[in-house]
Amino acid sequence: MKVTAVKRRFLFSASIKALLAASSWAAFANRALALGGVLPALGEAAPDFDLEGINKQGPLQRKLADLRGKWLVLYFYPKDFTSGCTLEARGFQKDLVSFRKKGAEIIGISADDPDQHASFCGSEGLTYTLLSDPDGSVSRAYGSWLAPFSQRHTFLIDTNGILKARWTAVQPSGHSQEVLKELEKLQA
C-alpha cells in the first residue's frame, strides 16, 4: 500500500497529538487531586499568598515571603464557629508552644472576613494568625476551594517555602498532634 505525502503528514500529526495528549495526561496524573481541586506538588515551592487577617496583636497583612526562615503550618478550614473548625483551631492553639519550639508558625485560612476571625479568636482564645480568603483565590491555589468554602486541608512548608507534607479530608480531632509529629520527623 502506497502512503502519500498527505497521509504521511496526517499520520505524523496524529502521532504528535497522541504523544502530547499522553504527556499532558502523565503530567496531570502526577498531580494529586482533592475535593477542592488540584493540590500543589510536594517538593515544589508553595503557592504565594498575600492576605488580610488577624492575630493577638490585631489586624495584619501576611505574605508567604514574610515567613521565610520559619516552618509554616498552613491550614484551610470551612468556617469560624462551626464544631469541626473550632475543635481543629483549639488543637492548634493547645500545641502552639510545641510548634514554636520547633521554629514553626501556624496560620489558618478561611473565607470568613477579618472581623469574623477576630470574634472567633476572642471567643476561643486563639493567639495565632487567621487569614481571610473571601474569593477563594489562595484556597484554589492550594487545591482547597469548593465555593463558598475552603476545604479542610493542611500543608507543612519548610523554611525555604517548599511544600513538605499535606493532609486532605482532615479529621479535626488530634490533627494538630499528627502535624507536629510529621514536623518532628522532617526536622530529624
Protein backbone atom coordinates (compact mmCIF):
# COMPACT_ATOMS: atom_id res chain seq x y z
CA MET A 1 0.00 0.00 0.00
CA LYS A 2 1.39 3.34 -1.04
CA VAL A 3 1.43 6.12 1.57
CA THR A 4 1.10 9.55 0.05
CA ALA A 5 2.77 12.68 1.41
CA VAL A 6 -0.62 13.90 2.68
CA LYS A 7 -1.23 10.63 4.52
CA ARG A 8 2.29 10.76 5.98
CA ARG A 9 1.70 14.29 7.28
CA PHE A 10 -1.65 13.23 8.72
CA LEU A 11 -0.13 10.18 10.44
CA PHE A 12 2.77 12.27 11.75
CA SER A 13 0.38 14.94 13.01
CA ALA A 14 -1.84 12.32 14.68
CA SER A 15 1.21 10.72 16.32
CA ILE A 16 2.39 14.07 17.67
CA LYS A 17 -1.09 14.84 19.02
CA ALA A 18 -1.24 11.42 20.70
CA LEU A 19 2.19 11.96 22.29
CA LEU A 20 1.21 15.41 23.53
CA ALA A 21 -2.03 14.09 24.95
CA ALA A 22 -0.18 11.26 26.69
CA SER A 23 2.42 13.62 28.14
CA SER A 24 -0.29 16.03 29.29
CA TRP A 25 -2.15 13.17 30.94
CA ALA A 26 1.08 11.94 32.56
CA ALA A 27 1.78 15.43 33.92
CA PHE A 28 -1.78 15.67 35.20
CA ALA A 29 -1.66 12.16 36.66
CA ASN A 30 1.38 13.14 38.74
CA ARG A 31 -0.65 15.90 40.40
CA ALA A 32 -2.69 14.93 43.43
CA LEU A 33 -6.38 15.68 43.40
CA ALA A 34 -8.61 16.52 46.33
CA LEU A 35 -12.21 17.57 46.69
CA GLY A 36 -11.11 21.21 46.40
CA GLY A 37 -9.11 20.76 43.16
CA VAL A 38 -5.53 20.06 42.14
CA LEU A 39 -3.13 20.13 45.07
CA PRO A 40 0.30 21.74 44.75
CA ALA A 41 3.08 19.18 44.41
CA LEU A 42 5.26 18.21 47.34
CA GLY A 43 8.88 19.25 46.95
CA GLU A 44 7.93 22.38 45.00
CA ALA A 45 7.54 26.00 46.07
CA ALA A 46 4.36 26.66 47.99
CA PRO A 47 1.89 28.96 46.20
CA ASP A 48 2.37 32.54 47.35
CA PHE A 49 -0.29 34.44 49.25
CA ASP A 50 -0.89 37.99 50.45
CA LEU A 51 -3.99 38.21 52.67
CA GLU A 52 -5.52 40.32 55.41
CA GLY A 53 -6.15 38.76 58.75
CA ILE A 54 -5.90 38.97 62.49
CA ASN A 55 -3.74 37.72 65.34
CA LYS A 56 -3.40 38.62 69.02
CA GLN A 57 -1.68 41.92 68.11
CA GLY A 58 -4.58 42.95 65.88
CA PRO A 59 -5.25 43.32 62.14
CA LEU A 60 -2.41 42.47 59.76
CA GLN A 61 -1.40 41.72 56.19
CA ARG A 62 0.57 38.49 55.77
CA LYS A 63 2.58 37.15 52.82
CA LEU A 64 4.28 33.79 52.45
CA ALA A 65 7.59 35.63 51.96
CA ASP A 66 7.20 37.15 55.46
CA LEU A 67 7.63 33.66 56.90
CA ARG A 68 10.89 32.64 55.23
CA GLY A 69 13.25 31.14 57.76
CA LYS A 70 10.40 29.53 59.71
CA TRP A 71 8.42 26.36 59.20
CA LEU A 72 4.78 27.04 58.45
CA VAL A 73 1.69 25.02 59.22
CA LEU A 74 -0.88 26.41 56.79
CA TYR A 75 -4.33 25.01 57.39
CA PHE A 76 -7.51 25.71 55.47
CA TYR A 77 -10.88 25.30 57.11
CA PRO A 78 -14.52 25.94 56.14
CA LYS A 79 -15.96 28.37 58.69
CA ASP A 80 -15.36 30.05 62.04
CA PHE A 81 -17.55 28.89 64.94
CA THR A 82 -18.51 25.53 63.41
CA SER A 83 -17.89 22.45 65.55
CA GLY A 84 -15.12 20.82 63.48
CA CYS A 85 -13.33 24.09 62.80
CA THR A 86 -13.47 25.05 66.47
CA LEU A 87 -12.09 21.65 67.51
CA GLU A 88 -9.24 21.92 64.98
CA ALA A 89 -8.42 25.52 65.99
CA ARG A 90 -8.34 24.58 69.68
CA GLY A 91 -5.96 21.71 68.90
CA PHE A 92 -3.50 24.01 67.15
CA GLN A 93 -3.76 26.54 69.99
CA LYS A 94 -3.11 23.80 72.57
CA ASP A 95 0.05 22.73 70.70
CA LEU A 96 1.19 26.23 69.67
CA VAL A 97 4.09 26.34 72.16
CA SER A 98 5.39 22.98 70.86
CA PHE A 99 5.21 24.19 67.26
CA ARG A 100 7.02 27.41 68.11
CA LYS A 101 9.77 25.49 69.93
CA LYS A 102 10.29 23.72 66.60
CA GLY A 103 10.50 27.07 64.77
CA ALA A 104 7.05 26.77 63.20
CA GLU A 105 4.24 29.27 62.85
CA ILE A 106 0.58 28.33 62.42
CA ILE A 107 -1.77 30.15 60.07
CA GLY A 108 -5.41 29.27 59.44
CA ILE A 109 -7.23 30.39 56.29
CA SER A 110 -10.95 30.51 55.54
CA ALA A 111 -13.32 32.69 53.55
CA ASP A 112 -14.53 34.45 56.72
CA ASP A 113 -13.72 38.16 56.95
CA PRO A 114 -11.16 39.56 59.43
CA ASP A 115 -13.89 40.81 61.79
CA GLN A 116 -15.36 37.31 61.99
CA HIS A 117 -11.85 35.93 62.60
CA ALA A 118 -11.32 38.48 65.40
CA SER A 119 -14.52 37.37 67.07
CA PHE A 120 -13.56 33.69 66.67
CA CYS A 121 -10.05 34.29 68.07
CA GLY A 122 -11.53 36.19 71.01
CA SER A 123 -14.10 33.55 71.89
CA GLU A 124 -11.65 30.63 71.54
CA GLY A 125 -8.52 32.31 72.93
CA LEU A 126 -6.59 31.81 69.69
CA THR A 127 -3.27 33.64 69.57
CA TYR A 128 -2.01 32.55 66.16
CA THR A 129 -2.88 34.18 62.82
CA LEU A 130 -6.11 33.65 60.89
CA LEU A 131 -6.27 35.00 57.34
CA SER A 132 -9.27 35.90 55.20
CA ASP A 133 -9.61 34.49 51.66
CA PRO A 134 -13.09 35.72 50.70
CA ASP A 135 -12.83 34.98 46.97
CA GLY A 136 -11.02 31.67 47.47
CA SER A 137 -8.03 32.64 45.31
CA VAL A 138 -5.43 31.31 47.74
CA SER A 139 -7.57 28.30 48.63
CA ARG A 140 -7.82 27.50 44.90
CA ALA A 141 -4.03 27.72 44.53
CA TYR A 142 -3.75 25.08 47.27
CA GLY A 143 -6.50 22.85 45.82
CA SER A 144 -8.68 23.64 48.83
CA TRP A 145 -11.66 25.56 47.42
CA LEU A 146 -15.20 24.32 46.98
CA ALA A 147 -17.16 27.56 46.77
CA PRO A 148 -18.10 29.20 49.01
CA PHE A 149 -15.81 27.45 51.49
CA SER A 150 -12.21 26.38 51.92
CA GLN A 151 -11.85 22.63 52.36
CA ARG A 152 -10.18 21.17 55.43
CA HIS A 153 -6.61 20.71 54.15
CA THR A 154 -3.27 21.31 55.86
CA PHE A 155 0.17 21.99 54.38
CA LEU A 156 3.57 21.90 56.04
CA ILE A 157 6.00 24.34 54.40
CA ASP A 158 9.72 24.42 55.20
CA THR A 159 11.97 27.40 55.93
CA ASN A 160 12.65 27.91 52.20
CA GLY A 161 8.97 27.94 51.20
CA ILE A 162 8.93 24.34 49.90
CA LEU A 163 5.91 22.09 50.47
CA LYS A 164 6.99 19.14 52.57
CA ALA A 165 3.73 17.47 53.65
CA ARG A 166 -0.02 17.79 53.15
CA TRP A 167 -3.22 16.41 54.58
CA THR A 168 -6.62 16.36 52.87
CA ALA A 169 -10.01 15.44 54.30
CA VAL A 170 -8.59 16.23 57.75
CA GLN A 171 -10.24 14.83 60.86
CA PRO A 172 -10.14 17.79 63.30
CA SER A 173 -9.67 15.72 66.45
CA GLY A 174 -5.97 15.05 67.00
CA HIS A 175 -4.90 16.66 63.73
CA SER A 176 -2.55 19.14 65.39
CA GLN A 177 -0.62 16.26 67.00
CA GLU A 178 -0.44 14.49 63.63
CA VAL A 179 1.11 17.60 62.04
CA LEU A 180 3.51 18.11 64.97
CA LYS A 181 4.77 14.50 64.65
CA GLU A 182 5.40 15.00 60.92
CA LEU A 183 7.25 18.25 61.61
CA GLU A 184 9.46 16.48 64.16
CA LYS A 185 10.12 13.67 61.68
CA LEU A 186 11.07 16.11 58.89
CA GLN A 187 13.39 18.05 61.20
CA ALA A 188 15.17 14.91 62.50
